[in-house]
Amino acid sequence: MSEDDFRALYRHLRDRAAGGSQERPGALRHLTPARVAAAAAEVRSGRTVSLAAPIETRPGPDNPQPAVHRMTGPAERDIGAPGLSFARDRFAMNVHGDADSHLDALCHVLFDGALYDGVPARSVTPDGARALTVDLVRDGIVGRGVLLDIPRLRGVPWLEPGDQVTAEDLTAAEAAQGVRAGPGDLLLVRVGHRRRRRERGPWDTARSRAGLHPTAMRFLAERCVAALGSDGNNDTAPSAVPGVAFPVHVLAVQAMGVHLMDYLDFEELAPACEQAGRWHFLCVVAPLRLPAATGSPVNPLAVL
């Protein structure tokens, strides 16, 4: 995709996405209380499935800065001593790495000197972001989740790094699975990244990974999707657009105001949906309360 074609698509999606309110900006405006209630009413078995991978503390080719977990208690003298003592720990992580499941806030992507809705990039300071932070979703993103399984559609265990998911793939997966994404839905796209990583081992995903083609964002706009998640980065590598490293992030977050979830895990959810005979469910996304942050580790739950 040429940069000129990308910028034309960017302007089209940006102009189409205009709207919302300070409390529910961007694509969240499609997620109304009535749609949340309807999603809750679809729960059948009550089975819950985590859509997050375990946070990793060991470095690897896709995770050179892993999370740091340190025990701060109990003290050696307290182990085995009579009376009360506490086990304590500290945790730190690179939220936007290439291994751990996380949510991108609308202040995460700067493009042409601005954030979503023209908010100046200078609103992101060394002390934290002042606008469009993860605090916008402090009450969670709760609605109908729809899983589209692209490897299942193609009859393969996973998409190879560099492969791209098109709008036509998403439409074909809907038909094959008997489901249709609609307004306010949380769209989840499986590329099989987690399964490949477990069976083949980690690799340098910054250089090569499967994801969505930028033109697939038209599908999200037409269906008025509220949020997008993938078991990969959502973007392919190498980029489909020379000169723009993360075109899907630019289009989804900065142009359309769509919260992204990267590096989720659908390897338990996909067979659960297959067994249940339906690919939609209540989805509950609850990021941490980080008022000035550009994102958060996240453990979304599917309730079938």
Protein backbone atom coordinates (compact mmCIF):
# COMPACT_ATOMS: atom_id res chain seq x y z
CA MET A 1 0.00 0.00 0.00
CA SER A 2 1.52 3.33 -1.01
CA GLU A 3 1.83 6.13 1.54
CA ASP A 4 -0.50 8.28 -0.58
CA ASP A 5 -3.19 5.58 -0.54
CA PHE A 6 -2.67 5.15 3.20
CA ARG A 7 -3.11 8.86 3.86
CA ALA A 8 -6.28 8.92 1.77
CA LEU A 9 -7.65 6.03 3.83
CA TYR A 10 -6.51 7.79 7.01
CA ARG A 11 -8.43 10.96 6.12
CA HIS A 12 -11.54 8.97 5.21
CA LEU A 13 -11.58 7.01 8.49
CA ARG A 14 -10.68 10.07 10.59
CA ASP A 15 -13.52 12.12 9.13
CA ARG A 16 -15.98 9.25 9.48
CA ALA A 17 -15.04 8.71 13.12
CA ALA A 18 -15.67 12.29 14.24
CA GLY A 19 -18.08 12.41 17.16
CA GLY A 20 -18.56 11.07 20.64
CA SER A 21 -18.31 12.87 23.94
CA GLN A 22 -15.64 13.57 26.53
CA GLU A 23 -16.82 10.59 28.56
CA ARG A 24 -17.25 8.20 25.60
CA PRO A 25 -14.92 9.43 22.84
CA GLY A 26 -14.26 7.76 19.55
CA ALA A 27 -15.56 4.26 18.92
CA LEU A 28 -16.74 3.84 22.51
CA ARG A 29 -19.77 5.91 21.57
CA HIS A 30 -21.11 2.81 19.82
CA LEU A 31 -21.07 0.85 23.09
CA THR A 32 -24.35 1.97 24.63
CA PRO A 33 -25.86 0.76 27.91
CA ALA A 34 -28.53 -1.07 25.92
CA ARG A 35 -25.86 -2.99 24.00
CA VAL A 36 -24.05 -3.87 27.22
CA ALA A 37 -27.29 -5.22 28.68
CA ALA A 38 -27.99 -7.21 25.51
CA ALA A 39 -24.50 -8.73 25.66
CA ALA A 40 -25.01 -9.76 29.27
CA ALA A 41 -28.30 -11.41 28.34
CA GLU A 42 -26.47 -13.68 25.87
CA VAL A 43 -24.59 -15.56 28.62
CA ARG A 44 -25.62 -19.24 28.51
CA SER A 45 -23.27 -21.55 30.42
CA GLY A 46 -21.60 -18.99 32.67
CA ARG A 47 -18.17 -20.35 31.73
CA THR A 48 -15.41 -17.74 31.99
CA VAL A 49 -12.24 -17.77 29.87
CA SER A 50 -9.21 -15.52 30.31
CA LEU A 51 -7.99 -13.86 27.11
CA ALA A 52 -4.59 -12.85 28.53
CA ALA A 53 -1.27 -14.63 28.47
CA PRO A 54 0.75 -15.00 31.69
CA ILE A 55 3.06 -12.02 32.20
CA GLU A 56 6.64 -13.05 31.46
CA THR A 57 9.70 -12.18 33.55
CA ARG A 58 12.38 -13.85 31.41
CA PRO A 59 13.96 -12.04 28.45
CA GLY A 60 13.54 -13.40 24.93
CA PRO A 61 13.87 -12.31 21.30
CA ASP A 62 10.43 -10.70 21.41
CA ASN A 63 10.73 -9.52 25.01
CA PRO A 64 14.12 -7.89 25.69
CA GLN A 65 12.67 -5.86 28.57
CA PRO A 66 10.53 -8.36 30.47
CA ALA A 67 8.44 -7.54 33.49
CA VAL A 68 10.31 -7.42 36.80
CA HIS A 69 8.85 -9.23 39.80
CA ARG A 70 10.63 -8.98 43.14
CA MET A 71 9.66 -10.32 46.55
CA THR A 72 9.92 -7.67 49.27
CA GLY A 73 8.76 -9.83 52.15
CA PRO A 74 8.73 -11.73 54.39
CA ALA A 75 12.14 -11.00 55.85
CA GLU A 76 14.33 -14.01 56.52
CA ARG A 77 13.84 -13.59 60.26
CA ASP A 78 10.05 -13.79 59.82
CA ILE A 79 10.04 -17.14 58.01
CA GLY A 80 9.01 -19.77 60.51
CA ALA A 81 8.75 -17.23 63.33
CA PRO A 82 5.66 -17.22 65.57
CA GLY A 83 3.02 -14.55 65.06
CA LEU A 84 1.99 -12.59 61.99
CA SER A 85 4.06 -11.65 58.94
CA PHE A 86 3.25 -10.92 55.29
CA ALA A 87 4.49 -12.03 51.91
CA ARG A 88 4.94 -8.90 49.74
CA ASP A 89 6.18 -8.13 46.23
CA ARG A 90 6.81 -5.41 43.63
CA PHE A 91 6.03 -5.49 39.94
CA ALA A 92 7.16 -3.32 36.99
CA MET A 93 6.72 -3.77 33.26
CA ASN A 94 7.04 -2.25 29.80
CA VAL A 95 3.32 -1.99 29.06
CA HIS A 96 3.68 -1.78 25.27
CA GLY A 97 6.08 -4.69 24.75
CA ASP A 98 5.71 -7.55 22.26
CA ALA A 99 4.92 -10.37 24.68
CA ASP A 100 2.45 -9.33 27.39
CA SER A 101 -1.27 -8.72 26.92
CA HIS A 102 -2.11 -5.02 27.12
CA LEU A 103 -4.55 -2.30 26.14
CA ASP A 104 -3.56 0.84 24.22
CA ALA A 105 -5.10 4.12 25.37
CA LEU A 106 -6.05 6.77 22.84
CA CYS A 107 -2.99 8.83 23.81
CA HIS A 108 -0.64 6.01 22.78
CA VAL A 109 -0.31 6.90 19.08
CA LEU A 110 1.10 10.23 17.88
CA PHE A 111 0.82 10.91 14.15
CA ASP A 112 1.67 14.14 12.35
CA GLY A 113 2.06 15.92 15.68
CA ALA A 114 -1.34 15.03 17.12
CA LEU A 115 -3.27 12.42 19.06
CA TYR A 116 -6.82 11.29 18.33
CA ASP A 117 -9.31 14.06 17.54
CA GLY A 118 -6.54 16.60 16.99
CA VAL A 119 -5.39 16.67 20.62
CA PRO A 120 -1.86 18.16 20.57
CA ALA A 121 0.98 15.70 21.03
CA ARG A 122 2.44 18.02 23.69
CA SER A 123 -0.30 16.80 26.02
CA VAL A 124 1.94 13.76 26.53
CA THR A 125 4.60 14.92 29.00
CA PRO A 126 7.49 13.28 30.88
CA ASP A 127 5.21 13.20 33.91
CA GLY A 128 2.39 11.40 32.08
CA ALA A 129 -0.34 12.08 29.56
CA ARG A 130 -2.88 14.83 30.24
CA ALA A 131 -5.61 13.70 27.84
CA LEU A 132 -7.07 10.54 26.28
CA THR A 133 -5.40 8.32 28.91
CA VAL A 134 -6.40 4.85 30.01
CA ASP A 135 -8.52 6.59 32.63
CA LEU A 136 -11.16 7.03 29.89
CA VAL A 137 -11.98 3.34 30.37
CA ARG A 138 -11.69 3.26 34.16
CA ASP A 139 -15.22 1.78 34.24
CA GLY A 140 -14.16 -0.95 31.85
CA ILE A 141 -15.08 -1.89 28.30
CA VAL A 142 -17.95 -4.36 28.57
CA GLY A 143 -19.96 -5.62 25.63
CA ARG A 144 -20.46 -8.38 23.10
CA GLY A 145 -17.19 -9.98 22.06
CA VAL A 146 -16.93 -11.54 18.60
CA LEU A 147 -14.01 -13.85 17.80
CA LEU A 148 -13.05 -14.28 14.13
CA ASP A 149 -10.59 -17.16 13.71
CA ILE A 150 -8.58 -16.60 10.53
CA PRO A 151 -6.36 -19.72 10.77
CA ARG A 152 -9.54 -21.79 11.14
CA LEU A 153 -10.89 -20.14 7.99
CA ARG A 154 -7.72 -20.95 6.04
CA GLY A 155 -7.33 -24.46 7.47
CA VAL A 156 -3.94 -23.80 9.11
CA PRO A 157 -2.82 -23.74 12.78
CA TRP A 158 -1.57 -20.14 12.50
CA LEU A 159 -0.73 -17.41 10.04
CA GLU A 160 2.95 -17.17 9.24
CA PRO A 161 4.83 -14.00 10.25
CA GLY A 162 4.32 -11.31 7.63
CA ASP A 163 0.92 -12.63 6.54
CA GLN A 164 -1.97 -10.16 6.48
CA VAL A 165 -5.67 -10.34 7.36
CA THR A 166 -7.89 -8.47 4.92
CA ALA A 167 -11.45 -7.20 5.17
CA GLU A 168 -12.41 -10.06 2.86
CA ASP A 169 -10.91 -12.52 5.36
CA LEU A 170 -12.99 -11.01 8.16
CA THR A 171 -16.18 -11.25 6.09
CA ALA A 172 -15.41 -14.83 5.07
CA ALA A 173 -14.71 -15.81 8.68
CA GLU A 174 -18.08 -14.38 9.70
CA ALA A 175 -19.82 -16.53 7.10
CA ALA A 176 -17.86 -19.65 8.06
CA GLN A 177 -18.58 -19.17 11.77
CA GLY A 178 -22.19 -18.01 11.49
CA VAL A 179 -21.62 -14.71 13.26
CA ARG A 180 -21.65 -11.05 12.29
CA ALA A 181 -19.86 -8.18 14.01
CA GLY A 182 -22.05 -5.16 14.63
CA PRO A 183 -22.26 -1.77 16.34
CA GLY A 184 -20.61 -1.65 19.74
CA ASP A 185 -18.99 -5.08 19.46
CA LEU A 186 -15.51 -5.89 20.73
CA LEU A 187 -13.91 -7.51 17.68
CA LEU A 188 -11.23 -10.12 18.43
CA VAL A 189 -9.13 -11.44 15.53
CA ARG A 190 -7.11 -14.62 15.96
CA VAL A 191 -3.98 -15.00 13.81
CA GLY A 192 -2.55 -17.90 15.84
CA HIS A 193 0.45 -15.96 17.16
CA ARG A 194 0.27 -17.56 20.62
CA ARG A 195 0.05 -21.11 19.30
CA ARG A 196 2.99 -20.60 16.94
CA ARG A 197 5.05 -19.06 19.75
CA ARG A 198 4.36 -21.99 22.05
CA GLU A 199 5.09 -24.65 19.45
CA ARG A 200 7.99 -22.98 17.61
CA GLY A 201 9.38 -20.73 20.36
CA PRO A 202 9.59 -16.93 20.49
CA TRP A 203 11.11 -14.93 17.65
CA ASP A 204 11.88 -11.29 16.84
CA THR A 205 8.32 -10.11 16.25
CA ALA A 206 9.50 -6.53 15.71
CA ARG A 207 10.82 -7.72 12.35
CA SER A 208 8.19 -10.28 11.37
CA ARG A 209 4.64 -10.93 12.56
CA ALA A 210 1.16 -11.57 11.21
CA GLY A 211 -1.56 -8.96 11.59
CA LEU A 212 -4.25 -6.96 9.87
CA HIS A 213 -3.85 -5.13 6.58
CA PRO A 214 -4.62 -1.39 6.92
CA THR A 215 -7.59 -1.67 4.56
CA ALA A 216 -9.24 -4.04 7.07
CA MET A 217 -9.96 -0.94 9.15
CA ARG A 218 -12.75 -0.13 6.69
CA PHE A 219 -14.52 -3.23 8.03
CA LEU A 220 -14.36 -1.87 11.57
CA ALA A 221 -15.64 1.52 10.49
CA GLU A 222 -18.54 0.08 8.52
CA ARG A 223 -19.57 -2.21 11.40
CA CYS A 224 -19.11 0.54 14.07
CA VAL A 225 -16.90 -1.73 16.18
CA ALA A 226 -16.10 -0.34 19.65
CA ALA A 227 -12.72 -2.02 20.31
CA LEU A 228 -10.26 -4.32 18.55
CA GLY A 229 -8.07 -7.07 19.99
CA SER A 230 -5.70 -9.65 18.54
CA ASP A 231 -3.39 -12.40 19.75
CA GLY A 232 -0.64 -10.54 17.89
CA ASN A 233 0.24 -6.86 17.61
CA ASN A 234 -2.71 -6.11 15.25
CA ASP A 235 -0.08 -4.69 12.84
CA THR A 236 1.97 -6.82 10.50
CA ALA A 237 5.73 -6.65 10.22
CA PRO A 238 7.23 -5.66 7.91
CA SER A 239 4.72 -2.86 7.58
CA ALA A 240 2.35 -2.87 4.64
CA VAL A 241 2.97 0.87 4.21
CA PRO A 242 6.51 2.12 3.52
CA GLY A 243 7.28 5.03 5.84
CA VAL A 244 4.55 4.15 8.38
CA ALA A 245 5.69 1.49 10.83
CA PHE A 246 2.33 0.74 12.52
CA PRO A 247 -0.43 1.72 10.07
CA VAL A 248 -3.20 -0.24 11.85
CA HIS A 249 -2.34 1.48 15.13
CA VAL A 250 -2.42 4.85 13.40
CA LEU A 251 -5.78 4.18 11.75
CA ALA A 252 -7.46 2.47 14.70
CA VAL A 253 -6.21 4.54 17.64
CA GLN A 254 -5.30 7.94 16.20
CA ALA A 255 -7.79 8.26 13.33
CA MET A 256 -10.80 6.24 14.54
CA GLY A 257 -10.51 6.40 18.32
CA VAL A 258 -10.58 2.61 18.72
CA HIS A 259 -8.93 1.14 21.82
CA LEU A 260 -6.59 -1.69 20.83
CA MET A 261 -5.65 -4.81 22.76
CA ASP A 262 -2.39 -6.43 21.69
CA TYR A 263 -0.99 -9.91 22.35
CA LEU A 264 -4.09 -11.49 23.84
CA ASP A 265 -4.48 -15.27 24.00
CA PHE A 266 -7.35 -17.06 22.26
CA GLU A 267 -6.08 -20.63 22.48
CA GLU A 268 -8.62 -21.56 25.15
CA LEU A 269 -11.40 -19.34 23.83
CA ALA A 270 -11.43 -20.69 20.25
CA PRO A 271 -12.17 -24.33 21.22
CA ALA A 272 -14.67 -23.13 23.83
CA CYS A 273 -16.55 -21.23 21.11
CA GLU A 274 -16.34 -24.25 18.81
CA GLN A 275 -17.79 -26.45 21.54
CA ALA A 276 -20.55 -23.97 22.35
CA GLY A 277 -21.40 -23.56 18.67
CA ARG A 278 -21.27 -19.78 18.80
CA TRP A 279 -18.53 -17.22 18.42
CA HIS A 280 -19.99 -14.34 20.42
CA PHE A 281 -20.03 -13.85 24.19
CA LEU A 282 -20.01 -11.27 26.93
CA CYS A 283 -16.55 -9.70 27.08
CA VAL A 284 -15.29 -7.80 30.14
CA VAL A 285 -12.14 -5.66 29.84
CA ALA A 286 -10.95 -4.01 33.07
CA PRO A 287 -7.67 -2.06 32.81
CA LEU A 288 -5.85 -0.76 35.86
CA ARG A 289 -6.70 2.68 37.24
CA LEU A 290 -3.69 4.56 35.85
CA PRO A 291 -4.89 8.15 35.34
CA ALA A 292 -1.87 9.43 33.36
CA ALA A 293 -0.90 6.25 31.50
CA THR A 294 -0.85 5.44 27.79
CA GLY A 295 -1.98 1.86 28.37
CA SER A 296 -2.41 -0.92 30.89
CA PRO A 297 -1.76 -4.63 31.30
CA VAL A 298 -5.12 -6.30 30.91
CA ASN A 299 -6.81 -9.64 31.51
CA PRO A 300 -10.03 -9.62 29.45
CA LEU A 301 -12.64 -12.24 30.29
CA ALA A 302 -15.04 -13.96 27.92
CA VAL A 303 -18.25 -15.19 29.57
CA LEU A 304 -20.06 -17.79 27.46
